[in-house]
Structures are given as structure tokens and as C-alpha cells.
Amino acid sequence: MSAPQTRKEAYRAYRERRAREAGPRNKRKGGGPQAQGEDRNFRPQDHGPVRAYARDVVDARRSVSEYFLYFSIAVIVLLFLPIPEFQVVVTYVIWPAMMVTIVAEGIYIARSVKRRAGELFPGDPTVRGAGWYAAVRQLQVRRLRLPKPKVKPGQPVPQPRS
């Protein structure tokens, strides 16, 4: 194949090459994991019915932990205020109270997800890490969670998917 002689020929060859290469790529992607809901498109740590159940449990409830990032930014901004009494209260009362709340919520959700997953999926080896998975997911801002939440807050948790 010879080099294109004009800019038009070069652009046409470029478009043809892109179309040839994009064909297999588009088949492989298939719209992404959220569009299809296929487990095989998720990251390895998100695979399996136990993890899907843990995601649904976390996504079906509101928690203080999911606002942790916003709260942290607010605390940092408040610490820049030139009022020493206020800085002391934020540093020694508000921040530790938030940390205790997050840890307590994490322990609660981890234990409840692990216990319930053990009942629903007896003998599944992935039940072991489901509690930690749920606690970490709970810390994420809801809009940034991947895979995307399928359950709205307040909805009942659906029956586990097999």
C-alpha cells in the first residue's frame, strides 16, 4: 500500500482503519458492565453472588459513612478558621466522633452482611471477605460506586442472584 498523496486520501484511509479496528473492539465491550449487568465484565473482586448480595445490602441503606468524604473536606476547611476554640472542638470532639461512627457502622454492616451471606450461601468460600467488601463499599460516595448501585435507598434487598 502506498502512502496517501493528499490530505483527503490520508483522512479517508484513517477513517477506514479506525472503522476496521473499532469493529472487534465494540463487540468485545458490549456496552459495559452496567448496561448488561454481566458479572464477567466486573473487576475480579466484584464477582460472584455473595459480592452482589453485599452490594445490594449496602446500597439499600443510607449511612453516615457514605458522607465521609464531604465531611472530611468540611473539617479541613473549618480548621482554617482563625478561632482556636473552634479548632480544638473540631479536632478533639467532632473529628473523633465521626471516626467512631464510621468504625461502628463498618463493624455493624460487616458482621450483618457476613452472617446473612453465610446463611444464604453455605459453603461458599467468598463469604469470608464479604463483610470487609461491604464496609469498604459503604465508605464510597454513592454516585462513585462501581459497579453502579442497582438498589435504591429504602428498597428491600432483593433475593440473592445465583
C-alpha atoms as a PDB file:
ATOM      1  CA  MET A   1       0.000   0.000   0.000  1.00  0.00           C
ATOM      2  CA  SER A   2       1.386   3.384  -0.967  1.00  0.00           C
ATOM      3  CA  ALA A   3       1.322   6.494   1.159  1.00  0.00           C
ATOM      4  CA  PRO A   4      -1.603   8.862   0.559  1.00  0.00           C
ATOM      5  CA  GLN A   5      -0.813  11.723  -1.757  1.00  0.00           C
ATOM      6  CA  THR A   6      -3.360  14.239  -0.441  1.00  0.00           C
ATOM      7  CA  ARG A   7      -4.843  15.184   2.874  1.00  0.00           C
ATOM      8  CA  LYS A   8      -8.251  13.832   1.747  1.00  0.00           C
ATOM      9  CA  GLU A   9      -6.786  10.422   0.954  1.00  0.00           C
ATOM     10  CA  ALA A  10      -4.970  10.334   4.284  1.00  0.00           C
ATOM     11  CA  TYR A  11      -8.145  11.190   6.169  1.00  0.00           C
ATOM     12  CA  ARG A  12     -10.172   8.550   4.249  1.00  0.00           C
ATOM     13  CA  ALA A  13      -7.526   5.900   4.987  1.00  0.00           C
ATOM     14  CA  TYR A  14      -7.525   6.922   8.650  1.00  0.00           C
ATOM     15  CA  ARG A  15     -11.341   6.602   8.894  1.00  0.00           C
ATOM     16  CA  GLU A  16     -11.279   3.192   7.195  1.00  0.00           C
ATOM     17  CA  ARG A  17      -8.556   1.939   9.527  1.00  0.00           C
ATOM     18  CA  ARG A  18     -10.470   3.215  12.582  1.00  0.00           C
ATOM     19  CA  ALA A  19     -13.668   1.522  11.371  1.00  0.00           C
ATOM     20  CA  ARG A  20     -11.816  -1.787  10.840  1.00  0.00           C
ATOM     21  CA  GLU A  21     -10.219  -1.651  14.281  1.00  0.00           C
ATOM     22  CA  ALA A  22     -13.334  -0.472  16.101  1.00  0.00           C
ATOM     23  CA  GLY A  23     -15.486  -3.384  14.906  1.00  0.00           C
ATOM     24  CA  PRO A  24     -13.963  -6.070  17.154  1.00  0.00           C
ATOM     25  CA  ARG A  25     -13.469  -3.589  19.999  1.00  0.00           C
ATOM     26  CA  ASN A  26     -17.163  -2.650  20.074  1.00  0.00           C
ATOM     27  CA  LYS A  27     -18.204  -6.310  20.033  1.00  0.00           C
ATOM     28  CA  ARG A  28     -15.928  -7.051  22.958  1.00  0.00           C
ATOM     29  CA  LYS A  29     -17.119  -4.139  25.089  1.00  0.00           C
ATOM     30  CA  GLY A  30     -20.812  -4.662  24.514  1.00  0.00           C
ATOM     31  CA  GLY A  31     -21.961  -1.517  26.312  1.00  0.00           C
ATOM     32  CA  GLY A  32     -20.105  -2.007  29.583  1.00  0.00           C
ATOM     33  CA  PRO A  33     -20.957  -3.973  32.719  1.00  0.00           C
ATOM     34  CA  GLN A  34     -23.703  -1.633  33.933  1.00  0.00           C
ATOM     35  CA  ALA A  35     -25.567  -1.783  30.634  1.00  0.00           C
ATOM     36  CA  GLN A  36     -25.569  -5.563  30.519  1.00  0.00           C
ATOM     37  CA  GLY A  37     -25.282  -6.395  34.209  1.00  0.00           C
ATOM     38  CA  GLU A  38     -22.916  -9.233  33.382  1.00  0.00           C
ATOM     39  CA  ASP A  39     -20.681 -10.449  36.163  1.00  0.00           C
ATOM     40  CA  ARG A  40     -17.850 -11.283  33.753  1.00  0.00           C
ATOM     41  CA  ASN A  41     -17.343  -7.585  32.957  1.00  0.00           C
ATOM     42  CA  PHE A  42     -16.770  -6.593  36.595  1.00  0.00           C
ATOM     43  CA  ARG A  43     -13.425  -6.362  38.320  1.00  0.00           C
ATOM     44  CA  PRO A  44     -12.319  -9.706  39.824  1.00  0.00           C
ATOM     45  CA  GLN A  45     -13.102  -8.581  43.382  1.00  0.00           C
ATOM     46  CA  ASP A  46     -16.737  -7.843  42.381  1.00  0.00           C
ATOM     47  CA  HIS A  47     -17.522 -11.321  41.018  1.00  0.00           C
ATOM     48  CA  GLY A  48     -19.991 -13.744  42.481  1.00  0.00           C
ATOM     49  CA  PRO A  49     -23.407 -13.854  44.102  1.00  0.00           C
ATOM     50  CA  VAL A  50     -22.045 -13.167  47.597  1.00  0.00           C
ATOM     51  CA  ARG A  51     -20.496  -9.876  46.489  1.00  0.00           C
ATOM     52  CA  ALA A  52     -23.679  -8.960  44.580  1.00  0.00           C
ATOM     53  CA  TYR A  53     -25.674  -9.564  47.749  1.00  0.00           C
ATOM     54  CA  ALA A  54     -23.239  -7.453  49.809  1.00  0.00           C
ATOM     55  CA  ARG A  55     -23.525  -4.615  47.272  1.00  0.00           C
ATOM     56  CA  ASP A  56     -27.317  -4.746  47.397  1.00  0.00           C
ATOM     57  CA  VAL A  57     -27.376  -4.660  51.207  1.00  0.00           C
ATOM     58  CA  VAL A  58     -25.078  -1.633  51.341  1.00  0.00           C
ATOM     59  CA  ASP A  59     -26.868   0.178  48.524  1.00  0.00           C
ATOM     60  CA  ALA A  60     -30.308  -0.375  50.093  1.00  0.00           C
ATOM     61  CA  ARG A  61     -29.498   1.723  53.155  1.00  0.00           C
ATOM     62  CA  ARG A  62     -28.280   5.221  53.900  1.00  0.00           C
ATOM     63  CA  SER A  63     -25.342   5.610  56.237  1.00  0.00           C
ATOM     64  CA  VAL A  64     -23.217   8.344  57.747  1.00  0.00           C
ATOM     65  CA  SER A  65     -20.145   6.678  56.242  1.00  0.00           C
ATOM     66  CA  GLU A  66     -21.091   7.486  52.661  1.00  0.00           C
ATOM     67  CA  TYR A  67     -20.822  11.193  53.503  1.00  0.00           C
ATOM     68  CA  PHE A  68     -17.339  10.795  54.995  1.00  0.00           C
ATOM     69  CA  LEU A  69     -15.540  12.434  52.058  1.00  0.00           C
ATOM     70  CA  TYR A  70     -17.759  15.524  52.179  1.00  0.00           C
ATOM     71  CA  PHE A  71     -17.403  15.688  55.950  1.00  0.00           C
ATOM     72  CA  SER A  72     -13.612  15.456  55.734  1.00  0.00           C
ATOM     73  CA  ILE A  73     -13.451  18.354  53.306  1.00  0.00           C
ATOM     74  CA  ALA A  74     -15.702  20.417  55.575  1.00  0.00           C
ATOM     75  CA  VAL A  75     -13.491  19.658  58.599  1.00  0.00           C
ATOM     76  CA  ILE A  76     -10.347  20.695  56.718  1.00  0.00           C
ATOM     77  CA  VAL A  77     -11.983  23.955  55.675  1.00  0.00           C
ATOM     78  CA  LEU A  78     -13.212  24.601  59.239  1.00  0.00           C
ATOM     79  CA  LEU A  79      -9.723  24.054  60.639  1.00  0.00           C
ATOM     80  CA  PHE A  80      -8.520  27.052  58.640  1.00  0.00           C
ATOM     81  CA  LEU A  81     -10.801  29.389  60.591  1.00  0.00           C
ATOM     82  CA  PRO A  82      -8.681  31.533  62.928  1.00  0.00           C
ATOM     83  CA  ILE A  83     -10.717  30.686  66.061  1.00  0.00           C
ATOM     84  CA  PRO A  84      -8.627  28.466  68.375  1.00  0.00           C
ATOM     85  CA  GLU A  85     -11.591  27.287  70.474  1.00  0.00           C
ATOM     86  CA  PHE A  86     -13.409  26.184  67.358  1.00  0.00           C
ATOM     87  CA  GLN A  87     -10.323  24.363  66.059  1.00  0.00           C
ATOM     88  CA  VAL A  88      -9.997  22.495  69.362  1.00  0.00           C
ATOM     89  CA  VAL A  89     -13.648  21.397  69.273  1.00  0.00           C
ATOM     90  CA  VAL A  90     -13.345  20.222  65.669  1.00  0.00           C
ATOM     91  CA  THR A  91     -10.060  18.419  66.304  1.00  0.00           C
ATOM     92  CA  TYR A  92     -10.868  16.752  69.630  1.00  0.00           C
ATOM     93  CA  VAL A  93     -14.650  16.285  69.515  1.00  0.00           C
ATOM     94  CA  ILE A  94     -16.201  16.369  66.053  1.00  0.00           C
ATOM     95  CA  TRP A  95     -13.495  14.503  64.106  1.00  0.00           C
ATOM     96  CA  PRO A  96     -13.112  11.639  66.630  1.00  0.00           C
ATOM     97  CA  ALA A  97     -16.912  11.319  66.882  1.00  0.00           C
ATOM     98  CA  MET A  98     -17.072  10.891  63.122  1.00  0.00           C
ATOM     99  CA  MET A  99     -14.283   8.296  63.178  1.00  0.00           C
ATOM    100  CA  VAL A 100     -16.020   6.282  65.914  1.00  0.00           C
ATOM    101  CA  THR A 101     -19.292   6.436  63.975  1.00  0.00           C
ATOM    102  CA  ILE A 102     -17.652   5.214  60.770  1.00  0.00           C
ATOM    103  CA  VAL A 103     -15.841   2.364  62.509  1.00  0.00           C
ATOM    104  CA  ALA A 104     -19.011   1.320  64.361  1.00  0.00           C
ATOM    105  CA  GLU A 105     -21.059   1.381  61.153  1.00  0.00           C
ATOM    106  CA  GLY A 106     -18.377  -0.596  59.337  1.00  0.00           C
ATOM    107  CA  ILE A 107     -18.288  -3.270  62.019  1.00  0.00           C
ATOM    108  CA  TYR A 108     -22.087  -3.454  62.114  1.00  0.00           C
ATOM    109  CA  ILE A 109     -22.537  -3.780  58.343  1.00  0.00           C
ATOM    110  CA  ALA A 110     -19.612  -6.194  58.006  1.00  0.00           C
ATOM    111  CA  ARG A 111     -20.936  -8.516  60.685  1.00  0.00           C
ATOM    112  CA  SER A 112     -24.525  -8.424  59.465  1.00  0.00           C
ATOM    113  CA  VAL A 113     -23.586  -8.998  55.801  1.00  0.00           C
ATOM    114  CA  LYS A 114     -21.192 -11.794  56.688  1.00  0.00           C
ATOM    115  CA  ARG A 115     -23.722 -13.510  58.961  1.00  0.00           C
ATOM    116  CA  ARG A 116     -26.584 -13.256  56.462  1.00  0.00           C
ATOM    117  CA  ALA A 117     -24.375 -14.263  53.499  1.00  0.00           C
ATOM    118  CA  GLY A 118     -23.226 -17.298  55.477  1.00  0.00           C
ATOM    119  CA  GLU A 119     -26.874 -18.324  55.863  1.00  0.00           C
ATOM    120  CA  LEU A 120     -27.774 -17.675  52.223  1.00  0.00           C
ATOM    121  CA  PHE A 121     -24.618 -19.129  50.654  1.00  0.00           C
ATOM    122  CA  PRO A 122     -23.455 -22.006  52.866  1.00  0.00           C
ATOM    123  CA  GLY A 123     -20.067 -23.380  51.885  1.00  0.00           C
ATOM    124  CA  ASP A 124     -19.166 -20.503  49.568  1.00  0.00           C
ATOM    125  CA  PRO A 125     -15.539 -19.502  50.230  1.00  0.00           C
ATOM    126  CA  THR A 126     -16.130 -15.878  49.207  1.00  0.00           C
ATOM    127  CA  VAL A 127     -18.355 -15.281  52.267  1.00  0.00           C
ATOM    128  CA  ARG A 128     -15.144 -14.786  54.208  1.00  0.00           C
ATOM    129  CA  GLY A 129     -14.339 -11.390  52.627  1.00  0.00           C
ATOM    130  CA  ALA A 130     -17.909 -10.184  52.123  1.00  0.00           C
ATOM    131  CA  GLY A 131     -18.006  -8.174  55.357  1.00  0.00           C
ATOM    132  CA  TRP A 132     -14.893  -6.158  54.552  1.00  0.00           C
ATOM    133  CA  TYR A 133     -16.136  -5.679  50.978  1.00  0.00           C
ATOM    134  CA  ALA A 134     -19.438  -4.264  52.278  1.00  0.00           C
ATOM    135  CA  ALA A 135     -17.739  -1.993  54.827  1.00  0.00           C
ATOM    136  CA  VAL A 136     -15.408  -0.508  52.201  1.00  0.00           C
ATOM    137  CA  ARG A 137     -18.252  -0.043  49.717  1.00  0.00           C
ATOM    138  CA  GLN A 138     -20.244   1.782  52.373  1.00  0.00           C
ATOM    139  CA  LEU A 139     -17.425   4.360  52.675  1.00  0.00           C
ATOM    140  CA  GLN A 140     -17.668   5.272  48.997  1.00  0.00           C
ATOM    141  CA  VAL A 141     -19.796   8.150  47.768  1.00  0.00           C
ATOM    142  CA  ARG A 142     -22.922   6.555  46.311  1.00  0.00           C
ATOM    143  CA  ARG A 143     -22.539   8.154  42.879  1.00  0.00           C
ATOM    144  CA  LEU A 144     -18.950   6.925  42.553  1.00  0.00           C
ATOM    145  CA  ARG A 145     -19.574   3.292  43.482  1.00  0.00           C
ATOM    146  CA  LEU A 146     -18.600   0.678  40.936  1.00  0.00           C
ATOM    147  CA  PRO A 147     -20.425  -1.476  39.982  1.00  0.00           C
ATOM    148  CA  LYS A 148     -23.279   1.025  39.986  1.00  0.00           C
ATOM    149  CA  PRO A 149     -25.953   0.515  42.664  1.00  0.00           C
ATOM    150  CA  LYS A 150     -28.970  -1.484  41.468  1.00  0.00           C
ATOM    151  CA  VAL A 151     -30.996  -0.923  44.642  1.00  0.00           C
ATOM    152  CA  LYS A 152     -32.282   2.475  45.730  1.00  0.00           C
ATOM    153  CA  PRO A 153     -32.017   3.503  49.396  1.00  0.00           C
ATOM    154  CA  GLY A 154     -35.011   2.261  51.347  1.00  0.00           C
ATOM    155  CA  GLN A 155     -35.886  -0.534  48.915  1.00  0.00           C
ATOM    156  CA  PRO A 156     -35.886  -4.082  50.254  1.00  0.00           C
ATOM    157  CA  VAL A 157     -32.826  -6.142  49.428  1.00  0.00           C
ATOM    158  CA  PRO A 158     -33.718  -8.475  46.529  1.00  0.00           C
ATOM    159  CA  GLN A 159     -33.316 -12.225  46.764  1.00  0.00           C
ATOM    160  CA  PRO A 160     -29.701 -13.202  46.120  1.00  0.00           C
ATOM    161  CA  ARG A 161     -28.756 -13.806  42.500  1.00  0.00           C
ATOM    162  CA  SER A 162     -27.204 -17.179  41.848  1.00  0.00           C
END
